[in-house]
Amino acid sequence: MMDRRMEVRILLERLFGKYNLALIRMGHLVKDEYALRFNENGYDENYNRYDPDTLLDRLSEKLSDNLLLRFVNKEFKDSVYSWAKFCGSRFKYDPAERTLRIENCWPEIREKVEWYIMAHGNDAYALLGAIYQICVKERRRWDNWFLLLYEAKRRGLRNWMMALAGLERTGIIERHKGDIWVPEELVQLLEEIVKQHNIE
């Protein structure tokens, strides 16, 4: 299970981005001393802008589950990115429902990956190994399609499109045109799966 503070930080950045002024307003509401140094527009009296990483770190420590649910589902609902999706070990946000819930998505995704491995056999091992190497270890997220294809083929993959489509349906990866990535909240889960199946 992912560290709660880290998961909340990733969640806040995914739903609001780094420079959304809703974050400053949240900080004001919880009386965070760092956030209180800045006005509603994110600037202090010397016109210095807040540091988004510092604010996200502080909010991730201060926001209780109930407060986080209230902020995302009610008070700042209109500030959440319409495309944002999150599936962590404690929280789930589905853009279709526009609701944050306390829910562990990992068991469902793990089960889907296990079924995927049974259905695709060696192709699954080859693609999971390539995804882990390129997307997690090397942190390549953009324009990595051909790099992943090459690495998966090097590992013995035979049917790229079927294996890729199957893995995408599990939810452990996301894809847009030439970009394939593991959502940050699922990296630890992928690491556990790779270790469990001795995939390198």
N, C-alpha and C. Protein backbone atom coordinates (compact mmCIF):
# COMPACT_ATOMS: atom_id res chain seq x y z
N MET A 1 0.84 -1.18 0.00
CA MET A 1 0.00 0.00 0.00
C MET A 1 0.89 1.25 0.00
N MET A 2 0.50 2.22 -0.77
CA MET A 2 1.27 3.45 -0.89
C MET A 2 1.14 4.32 0.37
N ASP A 3 2.19 5.04 0.69
CA ASP A 3 2.17 5.98 1.80
C ASP A 3 1.04 6.99 1.58
N ARG A 4 0.23 7.22 2.61
CA ARG A 4 -0.95 8.08 2.46
C ARG A 4 -0.58 9.49 2.02
N ARG A 5 0.43 10.07 2.66
CA ARG A 5 0.83 11.44 2.33
C ARG A 5 1.21 11.55 0.85
N MET A 6 1.98 10.58 0.37
CA MET A 6 2.40 10.60 -1.04
C MET A 6 1.20 10.44 -1.96
N GLU A 7 0.27 9.56 -1.60
CA GLU A 7 -0.91 9.36 -2.44
C GLU A 7 -1.77 10.62 -2.50
N VAL A 8 -1.94 11.30 -1.37
CA VAL A 8 -2.73 12.53 -1.36
C VAL A 8 -2.05 13.61 -2.20
N ARG A 9 -0.72 13.68 -2.14
CA ARG A 9 0.01 14.67 -2.93
C ARG A 9 -0.18 14.43 -4.43
N ILE A 10 -0.05 13.17 -4.83
CA ILE A 10 -0.25 12.82 -6.25
C ILE A 10 -1.69 13.12 -6.66
N LEU A 11 -2.63 12.77 -5.79
CA LEU A 11 -4.04 13.01 -6.06
C LEU A 11 -4.33 14.50 -6.25
N LEU A 12 -3.84 15.34 -5.35
CA LEU A 12 -4.08 16.78 -5.46
C LEU A 12 -3.50 17.34 -6.74
N GLU A 13 -2.28 16.93 -7.06
CA GLU A 13 -1.66 17.44 -8.30
C GLU A 13 -2.40 16.94 -9.53
N ARG A 14 -2.87 15.70 -9.51
CA ARG A 14 -3.60 15.16 -10.66
C ARG A 14 -4.92 15.90 -10.85
N LEU A 15 -5.65 16.13 -9.76
CA LEU A 15 -6.98 16.72 -9.86
C LEU A 15 -6.94 18.23 -10.10
N PHE A 16 -5.95 18.91 -9.54
CA PHE A 16 -5.94 20.38 -9.59
C PHE A 16 -4.75 20.97 -10.33
N GLY A 17 -3.71 20.20 -10.58
CA GLY A 17 -2.49 20.76 -11.16
C GLY A 17 -1.69 21.44 -10.06
N LYS A 18 -0.56 22.03 -10.44
CA LYS A 18 0.30 22.66 -9.45
C LYS A 18 -0.08 24.11 -9.18
N TYR A 19 -0.62 24.78 -10.17
CA TYR A 19 -0.83 26.22 -10.05
C TYR A 19 -2.30 26.61 -9.95
N ASN A 20 -3.14 25.69 -9.55
CA ASN A 20 -4.56 25.99 -9.38
C ASN A 20 -4.74 26.74 -8.05
N LEU A 21 -5.35 27.89 -8.11
CA LEU A 21 -5.51 28.71 -6.90
C LEU A 21 -6.43 28.07 -5.87
N ALA A 22 -7.15 27.04 -6.26
CA ALA A 22 -7.95 26.29 -5.28
C ALA A 22 -7.04 25.71 -4.20
N LEU A 23 -5.80 25.38 -4.54
CA LEU A 23 -4.86 24.84 -3.55
C LEU A 23 -4.54 25.87 -2.47
N ILE A 24 -4.33 27.12 -2.89
CA ILE A 24 -4.07 28.20 -1.93
C ILE A 24 -5.29 28.38 -1.02
N ARG A 25 -6.49 28.36 -1.61
CA ARG A 25 -7.70 28.52 -0.83
C ARG A 25 -7.87 27.37 0.17
N MET A 26 -7.51 26.15 -0.25
CA MET A 26 -7.55 25.02 0.70
C MET A 26 -6.60 25.28 1.86
N GLY A 27 -5.40 25.74 1.52
CA GLY A 27 -4.42 26.06 2.56
C GLY A 27 -4.92 27.12 3.52
N HIS A 28 -5.63 28.11 2.98
CA HIS A 28 -6.21 29.15 3.85
C HIS A 28 -7.26 28.55 4.77
N LEU A 29 -8.10 27.66 4.23
CA LEU A 29 -9.18 27.08 5.03
C LEU A 29 -8.67 26.20 6.16
N VAL A 30 -7.54 25.53 5.94
CA VAL A 30 -6.98 24.67 7.01
C VAL A 30 -5.97 25.44 7.85
N LYS A 31 -5.85 26.75 7.59
CA LYS A 31 -4.97 27.65 8.36
C LYS A 31 -3.51 27.23 8.30
N ASP A 32 -3.08 26.76 7.12
CA ASP A 32 -1.68 26.39 6.94
C ASP A 32 -0.83 27.66 6.93
N GLU A 33 0.19 27.71 7.77
CA GLU A 33 0.98 28.94 7.91
C GLU A 33 1.72 29.31 6.63
N TYR A 34 2.12 28.32 5.83
CA TYR A 34 2.78 28.64 4.56
C TYR A 34 1.77 29.28 3.61
N ALA A 35 0.61 28.67 3.45
CA ALA A 35 -0.42 29.19 2.54
C ALA A 35 -0.90 30.57 2.97
N LEU A 36 -0.96 30.82 4.27
CA LEU A 36 -1.44 32.10 4.77
C LEU A 36 -0.49 33.26 4.45
N ARG A 37 0.74 32.96 4.05
CA ARG A 37 1.68 34.01 3.65
C ARG A 37 1.34 34.60 2.28
N PHE A 38 0.43 33.92 1.55
CA PHE A 38 0.10 34.33 0.19
C PHE A 38 -1.36 34.74 0.10
N ASN A 39 -1.65 35.68 -0.79
CA ASN A 39 -3.04 36.12 -0.97
C ASN A 39 -3.80 35.12 -1.84
N GLU A 40 -5.06 35.42 -2.12
CA GLU A 40 -5.93 34.53 -2.92
C GLU A 40 -5.39 34.29 -4.33
N ASN A 41 -4.53 35.18 -4.81
CA ASN A 41 -3.94 35.04 -6.14
C ASN A 41 -2.60 34.32 -6.11
N GLY A 42 -2.16 33.90 -4.92
CA GLY A 42 -0.93 33.12 -4.80
C GLY A 42 0.34 33.92 -4.65
N TYR A 43 0.23 35.21 -4.31
CA TYR A 43 1.42 36.05 -4.18
C TYR A 43 1.52 36.60 -2.76
N ASP A 44 2.78 36.79 -2.30
CA ASP A 44 2.98 37.41 -1.00
C ASP A 44 3.08 38.92 -1.16
N GLU A 45 3.37 39.63 -0.09
CA GLU A 45 3.42 41.10 -0.13
C GLU A 45 4.55 41.64 -1.00
N ASN A 46 5.58 40.81 -1.26
CA ASN A 46 6.68 41.22 -2.14
C ASN A 46 6.48 40.74 -3.57
N TYR A 47 5.31 40.25 -3.86
CA TYR A 47 4.91 39.74 -5.17
C TYR A 47 5.69 38.48 -5.57
N ASN A 48 6.06 37.68 -4.57
CA ASN A 48 6.66 36.37 -4.83
C ASN A 48 5.55 35.34 -4.89
N ARG A 49 5.63 34.46 -5.87
CA ARG A 49 4.60 33.44 -6.04
C ARG A 49 4.89 32.26 -5.11
N TYR A 50 3.83 31.61 -4.66
CA TYR A 50 4.00 30.43 -3.80
C TYR A 50 4.72 29.32 -4.56
N ASP A 51 5.40 28.47 -3.82
CA ASP A 51 6.06 27.30 -4.41
C ASP A 51 5.05 26.15 -4.39
N PRO A 52 4.63 25.67 -5.56
CA PRO A 52 3.57 24.65 -5.59
C PRO A 52 3.97 23.34 -4.92
N ASP A 53 5.23 22.96 -5.02
CA ASP A 53 5.65 21.69 -4.40
C ASP A 53 5.57 21.78 -2.88
N THR A 54 5.98 22.91 -2.33
CA THR A 54 5.88 23.10 -0.87
C THR A 54 4.43 23.07 -0.43
N LEU A 55 3.57 23.77 -1.17
CA LEU A 55 2.16 23.80 -0.81
C LEU A 55 1.53 22.41 -0.90
N LEU A 56 1.81 21.68 -1.98
CA LEU A 56 1.26 20.32 -2.12
C LEU A 56 1.73 19.41 -1.00
N ASP A 57 3.01 19.51 -0.63
CA ASP A 57 3.53 18.70 0.47
C ASP A 57 2.81 19.01 1.77
N ARG A 58 2.62 20.29 2.04
CA ARG A 58 1.97 20.70 3.29
C ARG A 58 0.50 20.29 3.32
N LEU A 59 -0.20 20.48 2.20
CA LEU A 59 -1.61 20.08 2.14
C LEU A 59 -1.76 18.57 2.31
N SER A 60 -0.86 17.81 1.71
CA SER A 60 -0.96 16.35 1.80
C SER A 60 -0.80 15.86 3.24
N GLU A 61 -0.11 16.64 4.07
CA GLU A 61 0.04 16.28 5.48
C GLU A 61 -1.16 16.75 6.30
N LYS A 62 -1.75 17.88 5.94
CA LYS A 62 -2.80 18.50 6.77
C LYS A 62 -4.22 18.01 6.48
N LEU A 63 -4.49 17.59 5.25
CA LEU A 63 -5.87 17.27 4.89
C LEU A 63 -6.26 15.87 5.37
N SER A 64 -7.26 15.81 6.22
CA SER A 64 -7.82 14.52 6.64
C SER A 64 -8.63 13.94 5.48
N ASP A 65 -9.01 12.69 5.60
CA ASP A 65 -9.83 12.08 4.55
C ASP A 65 -11.14 12.83 4.37
N ASN A 66 -11.80 13.17 5.48
CA ASN A 66 -13.08 13.87 5.39
C ASN A 66 -12.94 15.24 4.74
N LEU A 67 -11.89 15.96 5.10
CA LEU A 67 -11.66 17.28 4.53
C LEU A 67 -11.34 17.17 3.04
N LEU A 68 -10.54 16.19 2.68
CA LEU A 68 -10.19 15.97 1.27
C LEU A 68 -11.45 15.66 0.46
N LEU A 69 -12.30 14.79 0.98
CA LEU A 69 -13.56 14.46 0.29
C LEU A 69 -14.44 15.70 0.15
N ARG A 70 -14.52 16.48 1.20
CA ARG A 70 -15.35 17.70 1.16
C ARG A 70 -14.82 18.69 0.12
N PHE A 71 -13.51 18.91 0.12
CA PHE A 71 -12.92 19.87 -0.82
C PHE A 71 -13.11 19.43 -2.27
N VAL A 72 -12.83 18.15 -2.55
CA VAL A 72 -12.90 17.66 -3.93
C VAL A 72 -14.34 17.51 -4.41
N ASN A 73 -15.21 17.00 -3.56
CA ASN A 73 -16.58 16.70 -3.98
C ASN A 73 -17.55 17.87 -3.86
N LYS A 74 -17.19 18.88 -3.08
CA LYS A 74 -18.12 19.99 -2.88
C LYS A 74 -17.49 21.34 -3.15
N GLU A 75 -16.64 21.79 -2.23
CA GLU A 75 -16.16 23.17 -2.25
C GLU A 75 -15.35 23.54 -3.49
N PHE A 76 -14.54 22.62 -3.99
CA PHE A 76 -13.68 22.93 -5.14
C PHE A 76 -13.95 22.00 -6.32
N LYS A 77 -15.14 21.44 -6.36
CA LYS A 77 -15.51 20.48 -7.42
C LYS A 77 -15.33 21.08 -8.82
N ASP A 78 -15.67 22.35 -8.97
CA ASP A 78 -15.57 22.99 -10.29
C ASP A 78 -14.13 23.30 -10.70
N SER A 79 -13.20 23.18 -9.77
CA SER A 79 -11.78 23.43 -10.08
C SER A 79 -11.04 22.16 -10.49
N VAL A 80 -11.67 21.00 -10.34
CA VAL A 80 -11.03 19.73 -10.70
C VAL A 80 -10.99 19.61 -12.23
N TYR A 81 -9.83 19.17 -12.74
CA TYR A 81 -9.71 18.96 -14.19
C TYR A 81 -10.76 17.94 -14.65
N SER A 82 -11.42 18.22 -15.75
CA SER A 82 -12.50 17.35 -16.24
C SER A 82 -11.99 15.98 -16.69
N TRP A 83 -10.72 15.89 -17.09
CA TRP A 83 -10.16 14.63 -17.58
C TRP A 83 -9.48 13.81 -16.49
N ALA A 84 -9.33 14.40 -15.30
CA ALA A 84 -8.54 13.77 -14.24
C ALA A 84 -9.12 12.43 -13.81
N LYS A 85 -8.23 11.46 -13.67
CA LYS A 85 -8.62 10.12 -13.25
C LYS A 85 -7.57 9.67 -12.23
N PHE A 86 -8.00 8.99 -11.19
CA PHE A 86 -7.07 8.55 -10.15
C PHE A 86 -7.54 7.23 -9.59
N CYS A 87 -6.60 6.28 -9.44
CA CYS A 87 -6.96 4.96 -8.94
C CYS A 87 -5.84 4.47 -8.03
N GLY A 88 -5.89 4.88 -6.78
CA GLY A 88 -4.81 4.57 -5.84
C GLY A 88 -5.16 3.47 -4.86
N SER A 89 -4.32 3.36 -3.84
CA SER A 89 -4.54 2.32 -2.83
C SER A 89 -5.48 2.79 -1.72
N ARG A 90 -5.85 4.09 -1.74
CA ARG A 90 -6.78 4.63 -0.74
C ARG A 90 -7.93 5.41 -1.36
N PHE A 91 -7.68 6.01 -2.50
CA PHE A 91 -8.66 6.90 -3.11
C PHE A 91 -8.90 6.56 -4.57
N LYS A 92 -10.14 6.85 -5.00
CA LYS A 92 -10.50 6.66 -6.41
C LYS A 92 -11.28 7.88 -6.87
N TYR A 93 -10.87 8.42 -8.01
CA TYR A 93 -11.63 9.52 -8.62
C TYR A 93 -11.88 9.15 -10.08
N ASP A 94 -13.16 9.08 -10.44
CA ASP A 94 -13.57 8.76 -11.80
C ASP A 94 -14.16 10.02 -12.42
N PRO A 95 -13.60 10.50 -13.54
CA PRO A 95 -14.10 11.74 -14.14
C PRO A 95 -15.56 11.66 -14.59
N ALA A 96 -16.04 10.47 -14.91
CA ALA A 96 -17.44 10.34 -15.32
C ALA A 96 -18.38 10.63 -14.16
N GLU A 97 -18.00 10.21 -12.96
CA GLU A 97 -18.83 10.42 -11.78
C GLU A 97 -18.53 11.76 -11.11
N ARG A 98 -17.35 12.30 -11.36
CA ARG A 98 -16.87 13.54 -10.73
C ARG A 98 -16.95 13.47 -9.21
N THR A 99 -16.58 12.30 -8.67
CA THR A 99 -16.65 12.08 -7.23
C THR A 99 -15.40 11.35 -6.75
N LEU A 100 -14.83 11.86 -5.66
CA LEU A 100 -13.72 11.18 -4.99
C LEU A 100 -14.30 10.26 -3.93
N ARG A 101 -13.82 9.02 -3.90
CA ARG A 101 -14.26 8.05 -2.91
C ARG A 101 -13.06 7.45 -2.21
N ILE A 102 -13.27 7.03 -0.98
CA ILE A 102 -12.25 6.26 -0.29
C ILE A 102 -12.43 4.82 -0.74
N GLU A 103 -11.51 4.37 -1.56
CA GLU A 103 -11.61 3.04 -2.16
C GLU A 103 -10.23 2.59 -2.62
N ASN A 104 -9.89 1.36 -2.32
CA ASN A 104 -8.63 0.78 -2.76
C ASN A 104 -8.84 0.13 -4.13
N CYS A 105 -8.25 0.71 -5.16
CA CYS A 105 -8.38 0.18 -6.53
C CYS A 105 -7.39 -0.95 -6.82
N TRP A 106 -6.37 -1.06 -6.01
CA TRP A 106 -5.29 -2.00 -6.31
C TRP A 106 -5.72 -3.46 -6.44
N PRO A 107 -6.57 -3.99 -5.54
CA PRO A 107 -6.94 -5.41 -5.69
C PRO A 107 -7.61 -5.71 -7.04
N GLU A 108 -8.47 -4.82 -7.48
CA GLU A 108 -9.15 -5.02 -8.76
C GLU A 108 -8.15 -4.98 -9.93
N ILE A 109 -7.25 -4.01 -9.89
CA ILE A 109 -6.25 -3.91 -10.97
C ILE A 109 -5.31 -5.11 -10.93
N ARG A 110 -4.88 -5.50 -9.73
CA ARG A 110 -4.00 -6.67 -9.60
C ARG A 110 -4.66 -7.92 -10.20
N GLU A 111 -5.96 -8.10 -9.89
CA GLU A 111 -6.69 -9.26 -10.43
C GLU A 111 -6.76 -9.21 -11.96
N LYS A 112 -7.01 -8.02 -12.50
CA LYS A 112 -7.06 -7.88 -13.96
C LYS A 112 -5.71 -8.19 -14.59
N VAL A 113 -4.62 -7.75 -13.94
CA VAL A 113 -3.28 -8.04 -14.47
C VAL A 113 -3.00 -9.54 -14.40
N GLU A 114 -3.44 -10.20 -13.33
CA GLU A 114 -3.25 -11.66 -13.23
C GLU A 114 -3.98 -12.38 -14.36
N TRP A 115 -5.22 -11.96 -14.65
CA TRP A 115 -5.96 -12.56 -15.76
C TRP A 115 -5.26 -12.26 -17.09
N TYR A 116 -4.76 -11.06 -17.21
CA TYR A 116 -4.01 -10.67 -18.42
C TYR A 116 -2.79 -11.57 -18.62
N ILE A 117 -2.05 -11.83 -17.55
CA ILE A 117 -0.87 -12.69 -17.64
C ILE A 117 -1.27 -14.10 -18.05
N MET A 118 -2.37 -14.61 -17.47
CA MET A 118 -2.82 -15.96 -17.85
C MET A 118 -3.24 -16.01 -19.32
N ALA A 119 -3.87 -14.95 -19.79
CA ALA A 119 -4.37 -14.94 -21.17
C ALA A 119 -3.26 -14.74 -22.20
N HIS A 120 -2.24 -13.95 -21.86
CA HIS A 120 -1.22 -13.59 -22.85
C HIS A 120 0.13 -14.26 -22.63
N GLY A 121 0.31 -14.95 -21.53
CA GLY A 121 1.53 -15.73 -21.28
C GLY A 121 2.82 -14.95 -21.46
N ASN A 122 3.70 -15.47 -22.32
CA ASN A 122 5.02 -14.87 -22.53
C ASN A 122 4.94 -13.45 -23.06
N ASP A 123 3.94 -13.14 -23.88
CA ASP A 123 3.79 -11.77 -24.36
C ASP A 123 3.53 -10.82 -23.19
N ALA A 124 2.76 -11.28 -22.20
CA ALA A 124 2.47 -10.45 -21.02
C ALA A 124 3.75 -10.19 -20.24
N TYR A 125 4.55 -11.23 -20.03
CA TYR A 125 5.81 -11.05 -19.30
C TYR A 125 6.74 -10.10 -20.05
N ALA A 126 6.82 -10.26 -21.36
CA ALA A 126 7.70 -9.41 -22.16
C ALA A 126 7.25 -7.95 -22.09
N LEU A 127 5.95 -7.70 -22.24
CA LEU A 127 5.46 -6.32 -22.23
C LEU A 127 5.54 -5.71 -20.84
N LEU A 128 5.16 -6.44 -19.81
CA LEU A 128 5.27 -5.92 -18.45
C LEU A 128 6.71 -5.59 -18.10
N GLY A 129 7.64 -6.46 -18.52
CA GLY A 129 9.06 -6.19 -18.28
C GLY A 129 9.53 -4.93 -19.01
N ALA A 130 9.08 -4.76 -20.25
CA ALA A 130 9.45 -3.57 -21.03
C ALA A 130 8.85 -2.31 -20.41
N ILE A 131 7.59 -2.38 -20.01
CA ILE A 131 6.93 -1.23 -19.38
C ILE A 131 7.67 -0.85 -18.09
N TYR A 132 7.99 -1.86 -17.29
CA TYR A 132 8.69 -1.60 -16.04
C TYR A 132 10.06 -0.96 -16.30
N GLN A 133 10.79 -1.49 -17.26
CA GLN A 133 12.12 -0.98 -17.57
C GLN A 133 12.06 0.46 -18.10
N ILE A 134 11.25 0.69 -19.12
CA ILE A 134 11.24 1.99 -19.81
C ILE A 134 10.46 3.05 -19.04
N CYS A 135 9.26 2.70 -18.59
CA CYS A 135 8.38 3.71 -17.95
C CYS A 135 8.70 3.95 -16.48
N VAL A 136 9.14 2.92 -15.76
CA VAL A 136 9.38 3.07 -14.33
C VAL A 136 10.86 3.32 -14.05
N LYS A 137 11.70 2.39 -14.44
CA LYS A 137 13.13 2.53 -14.13
C LYS A 137 13.76 3.72 -14.86
N GLU A 138 13.49 3.83 -16.16
CA GLU A 138 14.10 4.90 -16.96
C GLU A 138 13.25 6.17 -16.98
N ARG A 139 12.02 6.09 -16.46
CA ARG A 139 11.09 7.24 -16.37
C ARG A 139 10.83 7.91 -17.72
N ARG A 140 10.71 7.13 -18.74
CA ARG A 140 10.38 7.67 -20.06
C ARG A 140 8.88 7.55 -20.26
N ARG A 141 8.26 8.69 -20.47
CA ARG A 141 6.81 8.72 -20.57
C ARG A 141 6.34 9.24 -21.92
N TRP A 142 7.10 10.07 -22.55
CA TRP A 142 6.66 10.71 -23.78
C TRP A 142 7.36 10.10 -24.99
N ASP A 143 6.61 9.94 -26.07
CA ASP A 143 7.15 9.38 -27.32
C ASP A 143 7.94 8.09 -27.08
N ASN A 144 7.39 7.19 -26.30
CA ASN A 144 8.12 5.97 -25.95
C ASN A 144 7.58 4.71 -26.63
N TRP A 145 6.62 4.89 -27.52
CA TRP A 145 5.96 3.76 -28.20
C TRP A 145 6.97 2.81 -28.85
N PHE A 146 7.83 3.37 -29.71
CA PHE A 146 8.78 2.52 -30.44
C PHE A 146 9.86 1.95 -29.53
N LEU A 147 10.25 2.71 -28.53
CA LEU A 147 11.22 2.22 -27.56
C LEU A 147 10.64 1.02 -26.80
N LEU A 148 9.38 1.13 -26.38
CA LEU A 148 8.72 0.01 -25.70
C LEU A 148 8.54 -1.19 -26.63
N LEU A 149 8.16 -0.92 -27.86
CA LEU A 149 8.01 -2.00 -28.84
C LEU A 149 9.34 -2.74 -29.01
N TYR A 150 10.41 -1.99 -29.17
CA TYR A 150 11.74 -2.60 -29.36
C TYR A 150 12.11 -3.44 -28.14
N GLU A 151 11.93 -2.86 -26.93
CA GLU A 151 12.31 -3.57 -25.70
C GLU A 151 11.45 -4.82 -25.51
N ALA A 152 10.16 -4.72 -25.78
CA ALA A 152 9.27 -5.88 -25.63
C ALA A 152 9.62 -6.97 -26.64
N LYS A 153 9.92 -6.58 -27.88
CA LYS A 153 10.32 -7.56 -28.91
C LYS A 153 11.63 -8.23 -28.50
N ARG A 154 12.55 -7.43 -27.95
CA ARG A 154 13.83 -7.98 -27.49
C ARG A 154 13.60 -9.03 -26.40
N ARG A 155 12.53 -8.87 -25.63
CA ARG A 155 12.19 -9.79 -24.55
C ARG A 155 11.33 -10.96 -25.04
N GLY A 156 11.02 -11.00 -26.33
CA GLY A 156 10.30 -12.14 -26.89
C GLY A 156 8.84 -11.90 -27.24
N LEU A 157 8.37 -10.67 -27.18
CA LEU A 157 6.97 -10.37 -27.52
C LEU A 157 6.69 -10.71 -28.98
N ARG A 158 5.55 -11.35 -29.23
CA ARG A 158 5.17 -11.71 -30.60
C ARG A 158 4.04 -10.84 -31.12
N ASN A 159 3.02 -10.56 -30.30
CA ASN A 159 1.87 -9.82 -30.79
C ASN A 159 1.71 -8.51 -30.01
N TRP A 160 2.35 -7.47 -30.51
CA TRP A 160 2.42 -6.16 -29.84
C TRP A 160 1.04 -5.57 -29.58
N MET A 161 0.21 -5.44 -30.60
CA MET A 161 -1.06 -4.74 -30.45
C MET A 161 -2.02 -5.47 -29.50
N MET A 162 -2.11 -6.78 -29.61
CA MET A 162 -3.00 -7.53 -28.70
C MET A 162 -2.51 -7.43 -27.26
N ALA A 163 -1.21 -7.56 -27.07
CA ALA A 163 -0.65 -7.50 -25.72
C ALA A 163 -0.84 -6.09 -25.14
N LEU A 164 -0.60 -5.08 -25.94
CA LEU A 164 -0.74 -3.70 -25.48
C LEU A 164 -2.20 -3.37 -25.14
N ALA A 165 -3.11 -3.74 -26.02
CA ALA A 165 -4.54 -3.47 -25.77
C ALA A 165 -5.01 -4.21 -24.52
N GLY A 166 -4.56 -5.44 -24.33
CA GLY A 166 -4.94 -6.21 -23.15
C GLY A 166 -4.42 -5.57 -21.87
N LEU A 167 -3.17 -5.12 -21.91
CA LEU A 167 -2.59 -4.50 -20.72
C LEU A 167 -3.27 -3.16 -20.41
N GLU A 168 -3.61 -2.42 -21.43
CA GLU A 168 -4.29 -1.14 -21.23
C GLU A 168 -5.65 -1.35 -20.56
N ARG A 169 -6.35 -2.42 -20.91
CA ARG A 169 -7.66 -2.72 -20.31
C ARG A 169 -7.56 -3.04 -18.81
N THR A 170 -6.39 -3.45 -18.35
CA THR A 170 -6.24 -3.74 -16.92
C THR A 170 -6.25 -2.46 -16.08
N GLY A 171 -5.88 -1.33 -16.69
CA GLY A 171 -5.82 -0.06 -15.97
C GLY A 171 -4.45 0.25 -15.39
N ILE A 172 -3.48 -0.64 -15.54
CA ILE A 172 -2.15 -0.42 -14.96
C ILE A 172 -1.32 0.53 -15.82
N ILE A 173 -1.71 0.69 -17.08
CA ILE A 173 -1.03 1.68 -17.95
C ILE A 173 -2.09 2.56 -18.58
N GLU A 174 -1.63 3.70 -19.07
CA GLU A 174 -2.48 4.57 -19.87
C GLU A 174 -1.73 4.88 -21.15
N ARG A 175 -2.48 5.22 -22.18
CA ARG A 175 -1.86 5.44 -23.48
C ARG A 175 -2.58 6.57 -24.19
N HIS A 176 -1.79 7.40 -24.84
CA HIS A 176 -2.32 8.45 -25.70
C HIS A 176 -1.36 8.61 -26.87
N LYS A 177 -1.82 8.24 -28.05
CA LYS A 177 -1.01 8.29 -29.27
C LYS A 177 0.32 7.58 -29.04
N GLY A 178 1.44 8.28 -29.11
CA GLY A 178 2.75 7.64 -28.97
C GLY A 178 3.28 7.61 -27.55
N ASP A 179 2.43 7.95 -26.59
CA ASP A 179 2.86 7.99 -25.19
C ASP A 179 2.18 6.88 -24.40
N ILE A 180 2.98 6.13 -23.66
CA ILE A 180 2.48 5.07 -22.80
C ILE A 180 3.10 5.29 -21.43
N TRP A 181 2.28 5.27 -20.37
CA TRP A 181 2.83 5.50 -19.05
C TRP A 181 2.08 4.71 -17.99
N VAL A 182 2.74 4.57 -16.85
CA VAL A 182 2.12 3.99 -15.66
C VAL A 182 1.72 5.16 -14.78
N PRO A 183 0.43 5.32 -14.45
CA PRO A 183 0.05 6.41 -13.55
C PRO A 183 0.86 6.32 -12.26
N GLU A 184 1.28 7.46 -11.77
CA GLU A 184 2.19 7.51 -10.62
C GLU A 184 1.67 6.74 -9.41
N GLU A 185 0.36 6.76 -9.21
CA GLU A 185 -0.21 6.06 -8.05
C GLU A 185 -0.19 4.55 -8.21
N LEU A 186 0.14 4.05 -9.41
CA LEU A 186 0.17 2.61 -9.66
C LEU A 186 1.58 2.05 -9.82
N VAL A 187 2.59 2.90 -9.75
CA VAL A 187 3.97 2.44 -9.93
C VAL A 187 4.33 1.39 -8.89
N GLN A 188 4.02 1.64 -7.63
CA GLN A 188 4.34 0.68 -6.57
C GLN A 188 3.62 -0.64 -6.78
N LEU A 189 2.39 -0.60 -7.24
CA LEU A 189 1.65 -1.83 -7.54
C LEU A 189 2.34 -2.60 -8.66
N LEU A 190 2.74 -1.91 -9.72
CA LEU A 190 3.45 -2.58 -10.82
C LEU A 190 4.74 -3.20 -10.31
N GLU A 191 5.46 -2.49 -9.46
CA GLU A 191 6.70 -3.04 -8.89
C GLU A 191 6.42 -4.33 -8.13
N GLU A 192 5.33 -4.36 -7.37
CA GLU A 192 4.96 -5.57 -6.62
C GLU A 192 4.64 -6.72 -7.57
N ILE A 193 3.91 -6.44 -8.64
CA ILE A 193 3.54 -7.48 -9.61
C ILE A 193 4.76 -8.02 -10.32
N VAL A 194 5.66 -7.12 -10.73
CA VAL A 194 6.89 -7.53 -11.42
C VAL A 194 7.74 -8.40 -10.50
N LYS A 195 7.84 -8.01 -9.23
CA LYS A 195 8.63 -8.80 -8.27
C LYS A 195 7.97 -10.15 -8.02
N GLN A 196 6.66 -10.17 -7.87
CA GLN A 196 5.92 -11.42 -7.62
C GLN A 196 6.12 -12.43 -8.75
N HIS A 197 6.20 -11.94 -9.99
CA HIS A 197 6.32 -12.84 -11.15
C HIS A 197 7.76 -12.96 -11.65
N ASN A 198 8.71 -12.42 -10.88
CA ASN A 198 10.13 -12.48 -11.27
C ASN A 198 10.38 -11.96 -12.67
N ILE A 199 9.78 -10.83 -12.98
CA ILE A 199 9.96 -10.21 -14.30
C ILE A 199 11.07 -9.17 -14.16
N GLU A 200 12.05 -9.24 -15.00
CA GLU A 200 13.13 -8.23 -14.98
C GLU A 200 13.30 -7.59 -16.30
